[in-house]
Amino acid sequence: MTRNALLGLLAERGWTEHDLAERAGVGRAHVNEIKNGRAVPRVRTALRIADAFGLPVAAVFPPGTCGWRPLRRGRRTASTSLR
């Protein structure tokens, strides 16, 4: 799976994660998680981020770049932590 375009867009504009977070109205830590592929943005968050860049959502998050990945071994999920 290819990563989203956040890293390149931030570098292209000379923005930090903090700059994007302020412009999009989301937390900086969440921007970092999305940029590094550790989190998948909700639709509203993806729209806010795309709007901050002045781009369509598909330009920031091309099809196939966001999706759920299986948890790494050893991490608990809600179903395993209740057993």
Protein backbone atom coordinates (compact mmCIF):
# COMPACT_ATOMS: atom_id res chain seq x y z
CA MET A 1 0.00 0.00 0.00
CA THR A 2 1.32 3.41 -0.96
CA ARG A 3 1.38 6.18 1.60
CA ASN A 4 -0.76 9.28 1.38
CA ALA A 5 0.66 12.50 -0.04
CA LEU A 6 0.99 14.41 3.24
CA LEU A 7 4.77 14.18 3.54
CA GLY A 8 5.34 15.56 0.04
CA LEU A 9 2.68 18.26 0.37
CA LEU A 10 4.11 19.48 3.68
CA ALA A 11 7.62 19.65 2.21
CA GLU A 12 6.37 21.31 -0.98
CA ARG A 13 4.74 24.11 1.01
CA GLY A 14 7.38 24.33 3.73
CA TRP A 15 4.76 23.57 6.39
CA THR A 16 5.28 21.68 9.62
CA GLU A 17 2.79 19.22 11.06
CA HIS A 18 1.84 21.97 13.49
CA ASP A 19 1.09 24.37 10.61
CA LEU A 20 -1.19 21.84 8.94
CA ALA A 21 -2.88 20.95 12.22
CA GLU A 22 -3.73 24.60 12.87
CA ARG A 23 -4.98 25.21 9.32
CA ALA A 24 -7.09 22.04 9.32
CA GLY A 25 -8.31 22.31 12.91
CA VAL A 26 -7.01 18.90 13.97
CA GLY A 27 -4.38 17.81 16.49
CA ARG A 28 -0.72 17.80 15.53
CA ALA A 29 -0.23 14.29 16.90
CA HIS A 30 -3.11 13.05 14.77
CA VAL A 31 -1.59 14.68 11.67
CA ASN A 32 1.65 12.83 12.48
CA GLU A 33 -0.15 9.50 12.83
CA ILE A 34 -1.99 9.99 9.52
CA LYS A 35 1.19 11.10 7.72
CA ASN A 36 3.09 8.05 8.94
CA GLY A 37 0.29 5.61 8.13
CA ARG A 38 -0.47 4.73 11.75
CA ALA A 39 -3.98 6.19 11.57
CA VAL A 40 -6.68 6.45 8.95
CA PRO A 41 -8.46 9.80 8.92
CA ARG A 42 -12.21 9.99 9.26
CA VAL A 43 -13.97 11.54 6.29
CA ARG A 44 -14.40 14.87 8.06
CA THR A 45 -10.70 15.00 8.99
CA ALA A 46 -9.63 14.08 5.45
CA LEU A 47 -11.86 16.85 4.08
CA ARG A 48 -10.40 19.38 6.52
CA ILE A 49 -6.83 18.42 5.63
CA ALA A 50 -7.53 18.55 1.89
CA ASP A 51 -9.23 21.93 2.31
CA ALA A 52 -6.21 23.27 4.21
CA PHE A 53 -4.07 22.40 1.17
CA GLY A 54 -6.71 23.72 -1.24
CA LEU A 55 -6.82 20.34 -2.97
CA PRO A 56 -9.41 17.63 -3.56
CA VAL A 57 -9.36 14.76 -1.08
CA ALA A 58 -8.18 12.33 -3.79
CA ALA A 59 -5.04 14.44 -4.32
CA VAL A 60 -4.08 14.17 -0.65
CA PHE A 61 -5.35 10.64 -0.03
CA PRO A 62 -5.23 8.82 -3.40
CA PRO A 63 -7.41 5.71 -3.69
CA GLY A 64 -5.74 2.72 -2.05
CA THR A 65 -3.51 4.74 0.27
CA CYS A 66 -5.72 4.55 3.34
CA GLY A 67 -6.95 1.35 4.78
CA TRP A 68 -6.92 -0.76 7.88
CA ARG A 69 -3.85 -2.86 8.39
CA PRO A 70 -3.77 -5.86 10.70
CA LEU A 71 -2.43 -5.24 14.17
CA ARG A 72 1.15 -6.23 14.85
CA ARG A 73 1.64 -9.37 16.93
CA GLY A 74 1.46 -8.86 20.64
CA ARG A 75 -0.90 -5.91 20.56
CA ARG A 76 -4.24 -6.30 22.24
CA THR A 77 -7.51 -5.61 20.51
CA ALA A 78 -10.83 -4.96 22.19
CA SER A 79 -11.86 -8.59 21.70
CA THR A 80 -8.66 -10.09 23.12
CA SER A 81 -8.38 -7.76 26.10
CA LEU A 82 -11.74 -8.90 27.50
CA ARG A 83 -10.89 -12.60 27.62
